[in-house]
C-alpha atoms as a PDB file:
ATOM      1  CA  MET A   1      20.388  25.993  -4.431  1.00  0.00           C
ATOM      2  CA  HIS A   2      21.976  24.835  -7.528  1.00  0.00           C
ATOM      3  CA  CYS A   3      19.624  23.428 -10.210  1.00  0.00           C
ATOM      4  CA  PRO A   4      20.099  19.621 -10.441  1.00  0.00           C
ATOM      5  CA  PHE A   5      19.374  19.673 -14.218  1.00  0.00           C
ATOM      6  CA  CYS A   6      21.511  22.713 -15.605  1.00  0.00           C
ATOM      7  CA  ARG A   7      23.663  23.528 -12.400  1.00  0.00           C
ATOM      8  CA  HIS A   8      22.422  27.079 -12.696  1.00  0.00           C
ATOM      9  CA  PRO A   9      23.425  28.619  -9.107  1.00  0.00           C
ATOM     10  CA  ASP A  10      19.829  30.158  -8.463  1.00  0.00           C
ATOM     11  CA  SER A  11      16.289  28.763  -8.016  1.00  0.00           C
ATOM     12  CA  ARG A  12      12.928  30.256  -6.976  1.00  0.00           C
ATOM     13  CA  VAL A  13      10.589  28.903  -4.434  1.00  0.00           C
ATOM     14  CA  VAL A  14       7.318  27.984  -5.936  1.00  0.00           C
ATOM     15  CA  ASP A  15       5.528  26.272  -3.055  1.00  0.00           C
ATOM     16  CA  SER A  16       6.498  25.314   0.579  1.00  0.00           C
ATOM     17  CA  ARG A  17       4.844  22.676   2.844  1.00  0.00           C
ATOM     18  CA  THR A  18       5.647  20.936   6.078  1.00  0.00           C
ATOM     19  CA  ALA A  19       6.478  17.325   5.873  1.00  0.00           C
ATOM     20  CA  ASP A  20       7.633  14.538   8.181  1.00  0.00           C
ATOM     21  CA  ASP A  21       5.370  15.604  11.281  1.00  0.00           C
ATOM     22  CA  GLY A  22       6.433  19.143  10.972  1.00  0.00           C
ATOM     23  CA  THR A  23      10.126  18.369  11.385  1.00  0.00           C
ATOM     24  CA  ALA A  24      10.921  19.146   7.645  1.00  0.00           C
ATOM     25  CA  ILE A  25       9.911  21.637   5.022  1.00  0.00           C
ATOM     26  CA  ARG A  26       9.320  20.323   1.502  1.00  0.00           C
ATOM     27  CA  ARG A  27       9.882  23.260  -1.088  1.00  0.00           C
ATOM     28  CA  ARG A  28       8.921  23.033  -4.831  1.00  0.00           C
ATOM     29  CA  ARG A  29      11.590  25.198  -6.858  1.00  0.00           C
ATOM     30  CA  GLN A  30      11.909  26.496 -10.320  1.00  0.00           C
ATOM     31  CA  CYS A  31      15.234  27.233 -12.120  1.00  0.00           C
ATOM     32  CA  PRO A  32      15.143  30.592 -13.744  1.00  0.00           C
ATOM     33  CA  HIS A  33      17.652  29.461 -16.417  1.00  0.00           C
ATOM     34  CA  CYS A  34      16.077  26.139 -17.752  1.00  0.00           C
ATOM     35  CA  ALA A  35      12.626  26.545 -16.058  1.00  0.00           C
ATOM     36  CA  ARG A  36      12.602  23.000 -14.932  1.00  0.00           C
ATOM     37  CA  ARG A  37      11.158  22.113 -11.403  1.00  0.00           C
ATOM     38  CA  PHE A  38      12.466  20.098  -8.542  1.00  0.00           C
ATOM     39  CA  THR A  39      11.806  19.309  -4.952  1.00  0.00           C
ATOM     40  CA  THR A  40      13.930  19.930  -1.880  1.00  0.00           C
ATOM     41  CA  LEU A  41      13.549  18.832   1.592  1.00  0.00           C
ATOM     42  CA  GLU A  42      14.871  20.991   4.438  1.00  0.00           C
ATOM     43  CA  ASN A  43      15.633  19.706   7.807  1.00  0.00           C
ATOM     44  CA  ALA A  44      17.114  21.489  10.904  1.00  0.00           C
ATOM     45  CA  SER A  45      20.404  19.851  11.599  1.00  0.00           C
ATOM     46  CA  LEU A  46      21.058  18.416  15.062  1.00  0.00           C
ATOM     47  CA  THR A  47      24.667  17.410  15.842  1.00  0.00           C
ATOM     48  CA  VAL A  48      25.867  15.108  18.768  1.00  0.00           C
ATOM     49  CA  ILE A  49      29.403  15.658  20.069  1.00  0.00           C
ATOM     50  CA  LYS A  50      30.680  12.400  21.109  1.00  0.00           C
ATOM     51  CA  ARG A  51      33.172  11.900  24.158  1.00  0.00           C
ATOM     52  CA  SER A  52      36.136  11.598  21.655  1.00  0.00           C
ATOM     53  CA  GLY A  53      35.248  14.945  20.290  1.00  0.00           C
ATOM     54  CA  VAL A  54      33.918  13.572  16.949  1.00  0.00           C
ATOM     55  CA  THR A  55      30.444  14.988  15.741  1.00  0.00           C
ATOM     56  CA  GLU A  56      27.780  13.166  14.048  1.00  0.00           C
ATOM     57  CA  PRO A  57      24.194  14.041  13.118  1.00  0.00           C
ATOM     58  CA  PHE A  58      21.499  13.132  15.705  1.00  0.00           C
ATOM     59  CA  SER A  59      19.859   9.906  14.850  1.00  0.00           C
ATOM     60  CA  ARG A  60      16.662   8.720  16.562  1.00  0.00           C
ATOM     61  CA  ASP A  61      17.279   5.186  15.426  1.00  0.00           C
ATOM     62  CA  LYS A  62      20.515   5.037  17.294  1.00  0.00           C
ATOM     63  CA  VAL A  63      18.519   6.022  20.436  1.00  0.00           C
ATOM     64  CA  ILE A  64      16.256   3.199  19.716  1.00  0.00           C
ATOM     65  CA  VAL A  65      18.980   0.840  19.176  1.00  0.00           C
ATOM     66  CA  GLY A  66      20.452   1.721  22.353  1.00  0.00           C
ATOM     67  CA  VAL A  67      17.433   1.554  24.415  1.00  0.00           C
ATOM     68  CA  ARG A  68      16.424  -1.863  22.793  1.00  0.00           C
ATOM     69  CA  LYS A  69      19.464  -3.259  24.250  1.00  0.00           C
ATOM     70  CA  ALA A  70      18.535  -2.249  27.646  1.00  0.00           C
ATOM     71  CA  CYS A  71      14.878  -3.651  26.960  1.00  0.00           C
ATOM     72  CA  GLN A  72      16.042  -7.133  25.906  1.00  0.00           C
ATOM     73  CA  GLY A  73      13.757  -9.664  27.611  1.00  0.00           C
ATOM     74  CA  ARG A  74      11.419  -7.076  28.989  1.00  0.00           C
ATOM     75  CA  PRO A  75       7.708  -6.552  28.054  1.00  0.00           C
ATOM     76  CA  VAL A  76       8.548  -3.489  25.850  1.00  0.00           C
ATOM     77  CA  THR A  77       6.842  -3.223  22.350  1.00  0.00           C
ATOM     78  CA  GLU A  78       8.484  -1.662  19.264  1.00  0.00           C
ATOM     79  CA  ASP A  79       5.853   0.981  19.226  1.00  0.00           C
ATOM     80  CA  ALA A  80       6.764   1.975  22.754  1.00  0.00           C
ATOM     81  CA  LEU A  81      10.421   2.077  21.575  1.00  0.00           C
ATOM     82  CA  ALA A  82       9.269   4.414  18.613  1.00  0.00           C
ATOM     83  CA  GLN A  83       7.444   6.652  20.922  1.00  0.00           C
ATOM     84  CA  LEU A  84      10.243   6.997  23.295  1.00  0.00           C
ATOM     85  CA  GLY A  85      12.671   7.670  20.409  1.00  0.00           C
ATOM     86  CA  GLN A  86      10.159  10.390  19.331  1.00  0.00           C
ATOM     87  CA  ARG A  87      10.174  11.957  22.838  1.00  0.00           C
ATOM     88  CA  VAL A  88      13.765  12.082  23.129  1.00  0.00           C
ATOM     89  CA  GLU A  89      14.231  13.624  19.836  1.00  0.00           C
ATOM     90  CA  GLU A  90      11.515  16.259  20.768  1.00  0.00           C
ATOM     91  CA  ALA A  91      13.304  16.893  24.045  1.00  0.00           C
ATOM     92  CA  VAL A  92      16.574  17.381  22.426  1.00  0.00           C
ATOM     93  CA  ARG A  93      15.345  19.464  19.503  1.00  0.00           C
ATOM     94  CA  GLY A  94      13.302  21.496  22.390  1.00  0.00           C
ATOM     95  CA  THR A  95      16.559  22.647  23.867  1.00  0.00           C
ATOM     96  CA  GLY A  96      17.237  25.041  20.989  1.00  0.00           C
ATOM     97  CA  SER A  97      20.803  23.898  20.687  1.00  0.00           C
ATOM     98  CA  ALA A  98      22.232  22.834  17.453  1.00  0.00           C
ATOM     99  CA  GLU A  99      24.884  20.790  19.165  1.00  0.00           C
ATOM    100  CA  LEU A 100      24.325  18.457  21.939  1.00  0.00           C
ATOM    101  CA  SER A 101      26.878  16.252  23.855  1.00  0.00           C
ATOM    102  CA  THR A 102      26.099  12.364  24.281  1.00  0.00           C
ATOM    103  CA  HIS A 103      25.647  13.232  27.920  1.00  0.00           C
ATOM    104  CA  ASP A 104      22.691  15.457  27.105  1.00  0.00           C
ATOM    105  CA  VAL A 105      21.184  12.821  24.973  1.00  0.00           C
ATOM    106  CA  GLY A 106      21.639  10.258  27.661  1.00  0.00           C
ATOM    107  CA  LEU A 107      19.837  12.579  30.044  1.00  0.00           C
ATOM    108  CA  ALA A 108      16.890  12.781  27.644  1.00  0.00           C
ATOM    109  CA  ILE A 109      16.631   9.149  27.416  1.00  0.00           C
ATOM    110  CA  LEU A 110      16.510   8.442  31.166  1.00  0.00           C
ATOM    111  CA  GLY A 111      13.327  10.257  32.067  1.00  0.00           C
ATOM    112  CA  PRO A 112      11.149   8.447  29.415  1.00  0.00           C
ATOM    113  CA  LEU A 113      12.809   5.022  29.923  1.00  0.00           C
ATOM    114  CA  ARG A 114      12.204   5.311  33.552  1.00  0.00           C
ATOM    115  CA  GLU A 115       8.521   5.722  32.828  1.00  0.00           C
ATOM    116  CA  LEU A 116       8.572   2.932  30.292  1.00  0.00           C
ATOM    117  CA  ASP A 117      10.295   0.118  32.148  1.00  0.00           C
ATOM    118  CA  VAL A 118      12.484   0.578  35.363  1.00  0.00           C
ATOM    119  CA  VAL A 119      14.438  -2.764  34.782  1.00  0.00           C
ATOM    120  CA  ALA A 120      15.456  -1.268  31.494  1.00  0.00           C
ATOM    121  CA  TYR A 121      16.072   2.044  32.961  1.00  0.00           C
ATOM    122  CA  LEU A 122      18.446   0.559  35.477  1.00  0.00           C
ATOM    123  CA  ARG A 123      20.336  -1.356  32.888  1.00  0.00           C
ATOM    124  CA  PHE A 124      20.584   1.721  30.765  1.00  0.00           C
ATOM    125  CA  ALA A 125      21.602   3.953  33.830  1.00  0.00           C
ATOM    126  CA  SER A 126      24.445   1.488  35.056  1.00  0.00           C
ATOM    127  CA  VAL A 127      26.032   1.889  31.728  1.00  0.00           C
ATOM    128  CA  TYR A 128      25.301   5.667  30.956  1.00  0.00           C
ATOM    129  CA  ARG A 129      26.273   6.717  34.618  1.00  0.00           C
ATOM    130  CA  ALA A 130      29.199   4.054  34.580  1.00  0.00           C
ATOM    131  CA  PHE A 131      28.037   2.230  37.781  1.00  0.00           C
ATOM    132  CA  ASP A 132      31.266   0.399  39.213  1.00  0.00           C
ATOM    133  CA  SER A 133      29.953  -0.955  42.555  1.00  0.00           C
ATOM    134  CA  LEU A 134      26.949  -2.454  44.257  1.00  0.00           C
ATOM    135  CA  GLU A 135      26.330   0.748  46.122  1.00  0.00           C
ATOM    136  CA  ASP A 136      25.781   2.632  42.786  1.00  0.00           C
ATOM    137  CA  PHE A 137      22.901   0.193  42.002  1.00  0.00           C
ATOM    138  CA  GLU A 138      21.543   0.236  45.566  1.00  0.00           C
ATOM    139  CA  ALA A 139      21.615   4.158  45.463  1.00  0.00           C
ATOM    140  CA  ALA A 140      19.789   4.042  41.952  1.00  0.00           C
ATOM    141  CA  ILE A 141      17.092   1.462  43.232  1.00  0.00           C
ATOM    142  CA  GLU A 142      16.624   3.698  46.366  1.00  0.00           C
ATOM    143  CA  GLU A 143      16.122   6.629  44.163  1.00  0.00           C
ATOM    144  CA  LEU A 144      13.577   4.609  42.040  1.00  0.00           C
ATOM    145  CA  ARG A 145      11.840   3.490  45.287  1.00  0.00           C
ATOM    146  CA  ALA A 146      11.695   7.079  46.610  1.00  0.00           C
ATOM    147  CA  GLY A 147       9.948   8.326  43.396  1.00  0.00           C
ATOM    148  CA  HIS A 148       7.659   5.347  43.349  1.00  0.00           C
ATOM    149  CA  ASP A 149       6.447   6.058  46.959  1.00  0.00           C
ATOM    150  CA  GLU A 150       5.547   9.569  46.030  1.00  0.00           C
ATOM    151  CA  SER A 151       2.801   8.390  43.435  1.00  0.00           C
ATOM    152  CA  PRO A 152      -0.437   7.018  44.695  1.00  0.00           C
ATOM    153  CA  ALA A 153      -0.834   3.267  44.349  1.00  0.00           C
ATOM    154  CA  PRO A 154      -3.281   1.999  41.697  1.00  0.00           C
ATOM    155  CA  THR A 155      -6.448   0.470  43.031  1.00  0.00           C
ATOM    156  CA  THR A 156      -8.648  -2.400  41.609  1.00  0.00           C
ATOM    157  CA  GLY A 157     -11.766  -1.616  40.154  1.00  0.00           C
ATOM    158  CA  GLY A 158     -13.756  -2.723  43.160  1.00  0.00           C
ATOM    159  CA  GLY A 159     -12.709   0.357  45.071  1.00  0.00           C
ATOM    160  CA  ASP A 160     -11.469  -1.777  48.049  1.00  0.00           C
ATOM    161  CA  GLY A 161      -8.329   0.206  48.087  1.00  0.00           C
ATOM    162  CA  ALA A 162      -6.125  -2.921  47.376  1.00  0.00           C
ATOM    163  CA  PRO A 163      -3.152  -2.445  45.076  1.00  0.00           C
ATOM    164  CA  ALA A 164      -3.860  -3.537  41.509  1.00  0.00           C
ATOM    165  CA  ALA A 165      -1.405  -6.304  40.083  1.00  0.00           C
ATOM    166  CA  SER A 166       1.453  -4.578  37.989  1.00  0.00           C
ATOM    167  CA  ALA A 167       1.023  -4.682  34.296  1.00  0.00           C
ATOM    168  CA  ALA A 168       4.502  -4.540  33.898  1.00  0.00           C
ATOM    169  CA  ARG A 169       5.484  -7.590  35.848  1.00  0.00           C
ATOM    170  CA  PRO A 170       3.101 -10.570  35.524  1.00  0.00           C
ATOM    171  CA  ALA A 171       2.565 -12.768  38.889  1.00  0.00           C
ATOM    172  CA  ARG A 172       5.072 -15.552  39.160  1.00  0.00           C
ATOM    173  CA  PRO A 173       3.470 -18.964  39.511  1.00  0.00           C
ATOM    174  CA  ALA A 174       4.210 -20.711  42.863  1.00  0.00           C
ATOM    175  CA  THR A 175       7.039 -23.279  42.787  1.00  0.00           C
ATOM    176  CA  ALA A 176       7.590 -26.232  44.903  1.00  0.00           C
ATOM    177  CA  ASP A 177      11.058 -26.692  46.448  1.00  0.00           C
END
């Protein structure tokens, strides 16, 4: 590490601490030549390889922007999007690979998005999986229904076994035709 003051090619680490939720290391350094101190922030780099072959650094913000488009008009909060972005970043960093394809990032998004909002999941999956027919949508919906049937239906607080109203979809008022 070059000293930012005198450009000496060496420095000594005086102190190290974790920063940014443990995803970075803050180091306090001292130059042996001019004795001035400075701080560096070290992050593990994660690179995404796009379909065109171009590489770029992974960006949690880009994940959130893409998912936000799929969630337009849906009851999804910014906090929920931020949590989804964090889960996706943790998942892709957890692979242990320094380079990921856009396909890998897309797969990491689908699981948490499905849990967050199924309509947004279908929107995202239709673009990510390149749906080109009605049958593709039908197959994805059947897959969602099959996964939904495996989980127990929530019940009301009265213990009568009746399904509770969905929190994600408010009841529609009756309309007269």
